[in-house]
């Protein structure tokens, strides 16, 4: 998923658009990780009762498409035009979904209406100012609306090994621990509302992530927040 500043991140994710789902989607080597995220988000949409959803850093829009039957409407935002073009193609025939080429802060400021649920799935860590992105997401939410952030845990042994052996990431990346993320979110007017471990491995085909244990061991987490101030 991508939603960062213009320049290098946009060019990188544009170049990845055609192969993104093959590498990260429901039939990819990351299918187990994708399925866990999808199941979690579908459960949250059921609990919220057909929410209006904002996906910040939507990539090809696959996750938003997979939630269509459980939401009232959805808007996917991504900084990479090629990702948005692919998302619009995949979502053809689904009038409740829209896709917009924009960065997170501009989209949250400029799109009409408010949303019951917003999420960053593997995207907040690529943004140049995560605190500003969280604040923009909070302003796009209804009173008491929910924000979910899914990201790899910086304490994951596999992620640490990847950093030592794989060299520099192709785009700027900054992973936050659940505590550090909660601190940023609280400053943005968001109240912590729960956290769930999720599987993640830098090498899913060779070294799959554990499916049990705390977030730092499984490799990733989903943190949920509510809009405490408007």
C-alpha atoms as a PDB file:
ATOM      1  CA  UNK A   1       0.000   0.000   0.000  1.00  0.00           C
ATOM      2  CA  UNK A   2       1.275   3.465  -0.701  1.00  0.00           C
ATOM      3  CA  UNK A   3       0.421   7.016   0.198  1.00  0.00           C
ATOM      4  CA  UNK A   4       3.412   9.247   0.727  1.00  0.00           C
ATOM      5  CA  UNK A   5       4.868  12.473  -0.573  1.00  0.00           C
ATOM      6  CA  UNK A   6       5.482  13.171  -4.247  1.00  0.00           C
ATOM      7  CA  UNK A   7       8.814  12.228  -5.834  1.00  0.00           C
ATOM      8  CA  UNK A   8      10.577   8.939  -5.144  1.00  0.00           C
ATOM      9  CA  UNK A   9       7.732   7.106  -3.332  1.00  0.00           C
ATOM     10  CA  UNK A  10       5.234   7.999  -6.071  1.00  0.00           C
ATOM     11  CA  UNK A  11       7.597   6.882  -8.855  1.00  0.00           C
ATOM     12  CA  UNK A  12       8.431   3.656  -7.012  1.00  0.00           C
ATOM     13  CA  UNK A  13       4.810   2.670  -6.387  1.00  0.00           C
ATOM     14  CA  UNK A  14       3.833   3.631  -9.948  1.00  0.00           C
ATOM     15  CA  UNK A  15       6.450   1.177 -11.158  1.00  0.00           C
ATOM     16  CA  UNK A  16       5.079  -1.535  -8.843  1.00  0.00           C
ATOM     17  CA  UNK A  17       1.396  -1.131  -9.762  1.00  0.00           C
ATOM     18  CA  UNK A  18       1.159  -3.910 -12.379  1.00  0.00           C
ATOM     19  CA  UNK A  19       2.864  -6.517 -10.194  1.00  0.00           C
ATOM     20  CA  UNK A  20       1.592  -5.338  -6.787  1.00  0.00           C
ATOM     21  CA  UNK A  21      -1.240  -7.818  -6.357  1.00  0.00           C
ATOM     22  CA  UNK A  22       0.943 -10.719  -7.537  1.00  0.00           C
ATOM     23  CA  UNK A  23       3.408  -9.835  -4.770  1.00  0.00           C
ATOM     24  CA  UNK A  24       1.025  -8.706  -2.010  1.00  0.00           C
ATOM     25  CA  UNK A  25      -2.541  -9.715  -2.865  1.00  0.00           C
ATOM     26  CA  UNK A  26      -4.886 -12.580  -1.973  1.00  0.00           C
ATOM     27  CA  UNK A  27      -3.193 -15.084  -4.337  1.00  0.00           C
ATOM     28  CA  UNK A  28       0.382 -13.964  -3.654  1.00  0.00           C
ATOM     29  CA  UNK A  29       3.065 -15.439  -1.370  1.00  0.00           C
ATOM     30  CA  UNK A  30       1.565 -13.084   1.229  1.00  0.00           C
ATOM     31  CA  UNK A  31      -1.884 -14.685   0.962  1.00  0.00           C
ATOM     32  CA  UNK A  32      -1.889 -15.731   4.642  1.00  0.00           C
ATOM     33  CA  UNK A  33      -0.993 -12.231   5.774  1.00  0.00           C
ATOM     34  CA  UNK A  34      -3.554 -10.695   3.397  1.00  0.00           C
ATOM     35  CA  UNK A  35      -6.259 -13.086   4.598  1.00  0.00           C
ATOM     36  CA  UNK A  36      -5.577 -12.205   8.246  1.00  0.00           C
ATOM     37  CA  UNK A  37      -5.859  -8.481   7.515  1.00  0.00           C
ATOM     38  CA  UNK A  38      -8.988  -8.966   5.448  1.00  0.00           C
ATOM     39  CA  UNK A  39     -10.666 -11.070   8.146  1.00  0.00           C
ATOM     40  CA  UNK A  40      -9.837  -8.477  10.805  1.00  0.00           C
ATOM     41  CA  UNK A  41     -11.167  -5.557   8.748  1.00  0.00           C
ATOM     42  CA  UNK A  42     -14.300  -7.425   7.694  1.00  0.00           C
ATOM     43  CA  UNK A  43     -15.051  -8.180  11.343  1.00  0.00           C
ATOM     44  CA  UNK A  44     -14.619  -4.515  12.241  1.00  0.00           C
ATOM     45  CA  UNK A  45     -16.919  -3.427   9.384  1.00  0.00           C
ATOM     46  CA  UNK A  46     -19.582  -5.872  10.576  1.00  0.00           C
ATOM     47  CA  UNK A  47     -19.287  -4.524  14.113  1.00  0.00           C
ATOM     48  CA  UNK A  48     -19.598  -0.927  12.905  1.00  0.00           C
ATOM     49  CA  UNK A  49     -22.692  -1.640  10.804  1.00  0.00           C
ATOM     50  CA  UNK A  50     -21.931  -0.773   7.163  1.00  0.00           C
ATOM     51  CA  UNK A  51     -19.577   2.160   7.757  1.00  0.00           C
ATOM     52  CA  UNK A  52     -18.395   4.752   5.262  1.00  0.00           C
ATOM     53  CA  UNK A  53     -14.724   3.864   4.748  1.00  0.00           C
ATOM     54  CA  UNK A  54     -11.616   5.860   3.814  1.00  0.00           C
ATOM     55  CA  UNK A  55      -8.534   3.824   2.773  1.00  0.00           C
ATOM     56  CA  UNK A  56      -5.440   6.040   2.982  1.00  0.00           C
ATOM     57  CA  UNK A  57      -2.720   4.469   0.855  1.00  0.00           C
ATOM     58  CA  UNK A  58      -5.056   2.071  -0.924  1.00  0.00           C
ATOM     59  CA  UNK A  59      -2.625   0.782  -3.555  1.00  0.00           C
ATOM     60  CA  UNK A  60      -4.615  -1.229  -6.119  1.00  0.00           C
ATOM     61  CA  UNK A  61      -7.747  -1.011  -3.966  1.00  0.00           C
ATOM     62  CA  UNK A  62      -8.016  -4.766  -3.382  1.00  0.00           C
ATOM     63  CA  UNK A  63      -8.785  -4.507   0.331  1.00  0.00           C
ATOM     64  CA  UNK A  64     -11.488  -1.891  -0.177  1.00  0.00           C
ATOM     65  CA  UNK A  65     -13.011  -4.049  -2.921  1.00  0.00           C
ATOM     66  CA  UNK A  66     -13.019  -7.030  -0.549  1.00  0.00           C
ATOM     67  CA  UNK A  67     -15.060  -4.975   1.947  1.00  0.00           C
ATOM     68  CA  UNK A  68     -17.681  -3.787  -0.551  1.00  0.00           C
ATOM     69  CA  UNK A  69     -20.471  -6.030   0.711  1.00  0.00           C
ATOM     70  CA  UNK A  70     -20.031  -4.773   4.287  1.00  0.00           C
ATOM     71  CA  UNK A  71     -19.749  -1.002   3.790  1.00  0.00           C
ATOM     72  CA  UNK A  72     -22.045   1.814   2.714  1.00  0.00           C
ATOM     73  CA  UNK A  73     -19.407   3.490   0.534  1.00  0.00           C
ATOM     74  CA  UNK A  74     -15.636   3.642   0.230  1.00  0.00           C
ATOM     75  CA  UNK A  75     -12.972   6.067  -0.952  1.00  0.00           C
ATOM     76  CA  UNK A  76      -9.449   4.874  -1.691  1.00  0.00           C
ATOM     77  CA  UNK A  77      -6.603   7.391  -1.814  1.00  0.00           C
ATOM     78  CA  UNK A  78      -3.076   6.856  -3.107  1.00  0.00           C
ATOM     79  CA  UNK A  79      -0.252   9.126  -4.222  1.00  0.00           C
ATOM     80  CA  UNK A  80       0.652   6.875  -7.183  1.00  0.00           C
ATOM     81  CA  UNK A  81      -1.506   7.512 -10.286  1.00  0.00           C
ATOM     82  CA  UNK A  82      -0.801   4.045 -11.716  1.00  0.00           C
ATOM     83  CA  UNK A  83      -2.083   2.412  -8.520  1.00  0.00           C
ATOM     84  CA  UNK A  84      -5.281   4.452  -8.692  1.00  0.00           C
ATOM     85  CA  UNK A  85      -5.772   3.626 -12.387  1.00  0.00           C
ATOM     86  CA  UNK A  86      -5.462  -0.077 -11.571  1.00  0.00           C
ATOM     87  CA  UNK A  87      -7.836   0.267  -8.611  1.00  0.00           C
ATOM     88  CA  UNK A  88     -10.475   1.951 -10.769  1.00  0.00           C
ATOM     89  CA  UNK A  89     -10.186  -0.857 -13.303  1.00  0.00           C
ATOM     90  CA  UNK A  90     -10.559  -3.560 -10.649  1.00  0.00           C
ATOM     91  CA  UNK A  91     -13.517  -1.771  -9.041  1.00  0.00           C
ATOM     92  CA  UNK A  92     -15.454  -1.243 -12.276  1.00  0.00           C
ATOM     93  CA  UNK A  93     -19.135  -1.933 -11.697  1.00  0.00           C
ATOM     94  CA  UNK A  94     -19.013  -1.105  -7.990  1.00  0.00           C
ATOM     95  CA  UNK A  95     -20.686   2.334  -7.776  1.00  0.00           C
ATOM     96  CA  UNK A  96     -20.122   2.624  -4.022  1.00  0.00           C
ATOM     97  CA  UNK A  97     -16.341   2.818  -4.445  1.00  0.00           C
ATOM     98  CA  UNK A  98     -14.296   5.825  -5.572  1.00  0.00           C
ATOM     99  CA  UNK A  99     -10.552   6.278  -5.950  1.00  0.00           C
ATOM    100  CA  UNK A 100      -8.540   9.489  -5.784  1.00  0.00           C
ATOM    101  CA  UNK A 101      -4.925  10.323  -6.584  1.00  0.00           C
ATOM    102  CA  UNK A 102      -3.783  12.450  -3.648  1.00  0.00           C
ATOM    103  CA  UNK A 103      -1.664  12.414  -0.522  1.00  0.00           C
ATOM    104  CA  UNK A 104      -3.295  11.575   2.793  1.00  0.00           C
ATOM    105  CA  UNK A 105      -3.338  15.099   4.224  1.00  0.00           C
ATOM    106  CA  UNK A 106      -4.841  16.715   1.119  1.00  0.00           C
ATOM    107  CA  UNK A 107      -7.444  13.983   0.691  1.00  0.00           C
ATOM    108  CA  UNK A 108      -8.609  14.170   4.292  1.00  0.00           C
ATOM    109  CA  UNK A 109      -8.892  17.944   3.967  1.00  0.00           C
ATOM    110  CA  UNK A 110     -10.564  18.146   0.553  1.00  0.00           C
ATOM    111  CA  UNK A 111     -12.929  15.171   0.208  1.00  0.00           C
ATOM    112  CA  UNK A 112     -16.578  15.911   1.016  1.00  0.00           C
ATOM    113  CA  UNK A 113     -18.279  14.340   4.001  1.00  0.00           C
ATOM    114  CA  UNK A 114     -16.945  12.375   6.955  1.00  0.00           C
ATOM    115  CA  UNK A 115     -16.117   8.701   7.385  1.00  0.00           C
ATOM    116  CA  UNK A 116     -16.985   6.189  10.092  1.00  0.00           C
ATOM    117  CA  UNK A 117     -13.808   4.172   9.529  1.00  0.00           C
ATOM    118  CA  UNK A 118     -10.426   5.105   8.068  1.00  0.00           C
ATOM    119  CA  UNK A 119      -7.339   2.954   7.789  1.00  0.00           C
ATOM    120  CA  UNK A 120      -3.677   2.941   6.858  1.00  0.00           C
ATOM    121  CA  UNK A 121      -2.623  -0.556   5.755  1.00  0.00           C
ATOM    122  CA  UNK A 122       1.139  -0.678   5.365  1.00  0.00           C
ATOM    123  CA  UNK A 123       1.156   2.966   4.317  1.00  0.00           C
ATOM    124  CA  UNK A 124       1.620   5.230   7.339  1.00  0.00           C
ATOM    125  CA  UNK A 125       5.247   4.096   7.686  1.00  0.00           C
ATOM    126  CA  UNK A 126       6.051   5.547   4.232  1.00  0.00           C
ATOM    127  CA  UNK A 127       4.634   9.005   4.899  1.00  0.00           C
ATOM    128  CA  UNK A 128       7.018  11.937   5.432  1.00  0.00           C
ATOM    129  CA  UNK A 129       5.021  13.296   8.392  1.00  0.00           C
ATOM    130  CA  UNK A 130       3.084  10.467  10.118  1.00  0.00           C
ATOM    131  CA  UNK A 131       1.795  12.796  12.842  1.00  0.00           C
ATOM    132  CA  UNK A 132       0.264  15.130  10.246  1.00  0.00           C
ATOM    133  CA  UNK A 133      -1.227  12.146   8.405  1.00  0.00           C
ATOM    134  CA  UNK A 134      -2.854  10.916  11.614  1.00  0.00           C
ATOM    135  CA  UNK A 135      -4.245  14.368  12.299  1.00  0.00           C
ATOM    136  CA  UNK A 136      -5.651  14.581   8.781  1.00  0.00           C
ATOM    137  CA  UNK A 137      -7.266  11.163   9.157  1.00  0.00           C
ATOM    138  CA  UNK A 138      -8.862  12.207  12.445  1.00  0.00           C
ATOM    139  CA  UNK A 139     -10.356  15.300  10.792  1.00  0.00           C
ATOM    140  CA  UNK A 140     -11.905  13.079   8.101  1.00  0.00           C
ATOM    141  CA  UNK A 141     -13.715  10.942  10.699  1.00  0.00           C
ATOM    142  CA  UNK A 142     -17.180  11.348  12.127  1.00  0.00           C
ATOM    143  CA  UNK A 143     -17.436  12.066  15.845  1.00  0.00           C
ATOM    144  CA  UNK A 144     -16.460   8.815  17.530  1.00  0.00           C
ATOM    145  CA  UNK A 145     -15.258   7.397  14.190  1.00  0.00           C
ATOM    146  CA  UNK A 146     -12.590   4.717  14.091  1.00  0.00           C
ATOM    147  CA  UNK A 147      -9.058   4.684  12.674  1.00  0.00           C
ATOM    148  CA  UNK A 148      -7.070   1.473  12.132  1.00  0.00           C
ATOM    149  CA  UNK A 149      -3.335   1.378  11.450  1.00  0.00           C
ATOM    150  CA  UNK A 150      -1.756  -1.894  10.308  1.00  0.00           C
ATOM    151  CA  UNK A 151       2.032  -1.995  10.168  1.00  0.00           C
ATOM    152  CA  UNK A 152       5.016  -4.282  10.820  1.00  0.00           C
ATOM    153  CA  UNK A 153       6.319  -4.242  14.388  1.00  0.00           C
ATOM    154  CA  UNK A 154       9.855  -2.777  14.597  1.00  0.00           C
ATOM    155  CA  UNK A 155      10.773  -5.374  17.241  1.00  0.00           C
ATOM    156  CA  UNK A 156      10.030  -8.324  14.941  1.00  0.00           C
ATOM    157  CA  UNK A 157      13.089 -10.629  14.776  1.00  0.00           C
ATOM    158  CA  UNK A 158      12.476 -11.285  11.065  1.00  0.00           C
ATOM    159  CA  UNK A 159      12.161  -7.568  10.296  1.00  0.00           C
ATOM    160  CA  UNK A 160      15.385  -6.855  12.180  1.00  0.00           C
ATOM    161  CA  UNK A 161      17.140  -9.596  10.240  1.00  0.00           C
ATOM    162  CA  UNK A 162      15.846  -8.142   6.978  1.00  0.00           C
ATOM    163  CA  UNK A 163      17.276  -4.752   7.860  1.00  0.00           C
ATOM    164  CA  UNK A 164      20.681  -6.305   8.458  1.00  0.00           C
ATOM    165  CA  UNK A 165      20.735  -8.383   5.280  1.00  0.00           C
ATOM    166  CA  UNK A 166      18.624  -6.590   2.688  1.00  0.00           C
ATOM    167  CA  UNK A 167      20.194  -3.156   2.626  1.00  0.00           C
ATOM    168  CA  UNK A 168      18.361   0.117   2.220  1.00  0.00           C
ATOM    169  CA  UNK A 169      14.594   0.103   1.598  1.00  0.00           C
ATOM    170  CA  UNK A 170      13.533   1.365  -1.872  1.00  0.00           C
ATOM    171  CA  UNK A 171      11.376   4.091  -0.273  1.00  0.00           C
ATOM    172  CA  UNK A 172      11.664   5.882   3.093  1.00  0.00           C
ATOM    173  CA  UNK A 173      10.227   3.629   5.792  1.00  0.00           C
ATOM    174  CA  UNK A 174       9.713   4.203   9.505  1.00  0.00           C
ATOM    175  CA  UNK A 175       7.969   1.559  11.610  1.00  0.00           C
ATOM    176  CA  UNK A 176       6.515   2.495  15.008  1.00  0.00           C
ATOM    177  CA  UNK A 177       6.011   0.325  18.040  1.00  0.00           C
ATOM    178  CA  UNK A 178       2.416   0.207  19.324  1.00  0.00           C
ATOM    179  CA  UNK A 179       3.397   2.536  22.174  1.00  0.00           C
ATOM    180  CA  UNK A 180       5.080   5.072  19.901  1.00  0.00           C
ATOM    181  CA  UNK A 181       2.145   5.000  17.503  1.00  0.00           C
ATOM    182  CA  UNK A 182      -0.322   5.490  20.365  1.00  0.00           C
ATOM    183  CA  UNK A 183       1.681   8.542  21.495  1.00  0.00           C
ATOM    184  CA  UNK A 184       1.489  10.112  18.017  1.00  0.00           C
ATOM    185  CA  UNK A 185      -2.191   9.280  17.669  1.00  0.00           C
ATOM    186  CA  UNK A 186      -3.083  10.725  21.065  1.00  0.00           C
ATOM    187  CA  UNK A 187      -1.400  14.004  20.148  1.00  0.00           C
ATOM    188  CA  UNK A 188      -3.533  14.014  16.969  1.00  0.00           C
ATOM    189  CA  UNK A 189      -6.779  13.744  18.953  1.00  0.00           C
ATOM    190  CA  UNK A 190      -7.208   9.975  18.668  1.00  0.00           C
ATOM    191  CA  UNK A 191      -7.859   7.713  21.640  1.00  0.00           C
ATOM    192  CA  UNK A 192      -6.383   4.166  21.702  1.00  0.00           C
ATOM    193  CA  UNK A 193      -9.129   1.535  21.411  1.00  0.00           C
ATOM    194  CA  UNK A 194      -7.297  -1.776  21.083  1.00  0.00           C
ATOM    195  CA  UNK A 195      -4.467  -3.662  19.393  1.00  0.00           C
ATOM    196  CA  UNK A 196      -4.279  -7.059  17.697  1.00  0.00           C
ATOM    197  CA  UNK A 197      -1.197  -9.011  16.504  1.00  0.00           C
ATOM    198  CA  UNK A 198      -1.106  -9.953  12.827  1.00  0.00           C
ATOM    199  CA  UNK A 199       1.349 -12.126  10.869  1.00  0.00           C
ATOM    200  CA  UNK A 200       4.079 -10.534   8.764  1.00  0.00           C
ATOM    201  CA  UNK A 201       7.382 -11.746   7.342  1.00  0.00           C
ATOM    202  CA  UNK A 202       9.823  -9.983   4.990  1.00  0.00           C
ATOM    203  CA  UNK A 203      10.228 -13.387   3.286  1.00  0.00           C
ATOM    204  CA  UNK A 204       6.732 -14.945   3.347  1.00  0.00           C
ATOM    205  CA  UNK A 205       7.552 -17.711   0.876  1.00  0.00           C
ATOM    206  CA  UNK A 206      10.679 -18.851   2.724  1.00  0.00           C
ATOM    207  CA  UNK A 207      10.272 -17.796   6.362  1.00  0.00           C
ATOM    208  CA  UNK A 208       6.558 -17.442   7.210  1.00  0.00           C
ATOM    209  CA  UNK A 209       5.621 -15.419  10.258  1.00  0.00           C
ATOM    210  CA  UNK A 210       4.413 -17.207  13.402  1.00  0.00           C
ATOM    211  CA  UNK A 211       0.629 -17.321  13.774  1.00  0.00           C
ATOM    212  CA  UNK A 212       0.676 -17.089  17.571  1.00  0.00           C
ATOM    213  CA  UNK A 213       2.250 -14.906  20.242  1.00  0.00           C
ATOM    214  CA  UNK A 214       2.523 -11.135  20.736  1.00  0.00           C
ATOM    215  CA  UNK A 215       2.775  -8.615  17.919  1.00  0.00           C
ATOM    216  CA  UNK A 216       6.565  -8.372  18.018  1.00  0.00           C
ATOM    217  CA  UNK A 217       6.786 -12.133  17.438  1.00  0.00           C
ATOM    218  CA  UNK A 218       4.035 -12.462  14.822  1.00  0.00           C
ATOM    219  CA  UNK A 219       5.611  -9.535  13.008  1.00  0.00           C
ATOM    220  CA  UNK A 220       2.835  -6.935  12.675  1.00  0.00           C
ATOM    221  CA  UNK A 221      -0.130  -5.423  14.474  1.00  0.00           C
ATOM    222  CA  UNK A 222      -3.414  -3.620  13.930  1.00  0.00           C
ATOM    223  CA  UNK A 223      -3.935  -0.659  16.252  1.00  0.00           C
ATOM    224  CA  UNK A 224      -7.388   0.903  16.524  1.00  0.00           C
ATOM    225  CA  UNK A 225      -8.210   4.437  17.655  1.00  0.00           C
ATOM    226  CA  UNK A 226     -11.330   6.554  17.996  1.00  0.00           C
ATOM    227  CA  UNK A 227     -11.748  10.226  17.189  1.00  0.00           C
ATOM    228  CA  UNK A 228     -11.769  11.710  20.675  1.00  0.00           C
ATOM    229  CA  UNK A 229     -11.790  15.370  19.598  1.00  0.00           C
ATOM    230  CA  UNK A 230     -13.059  17.233  16.538  1.00  0.00           C
END
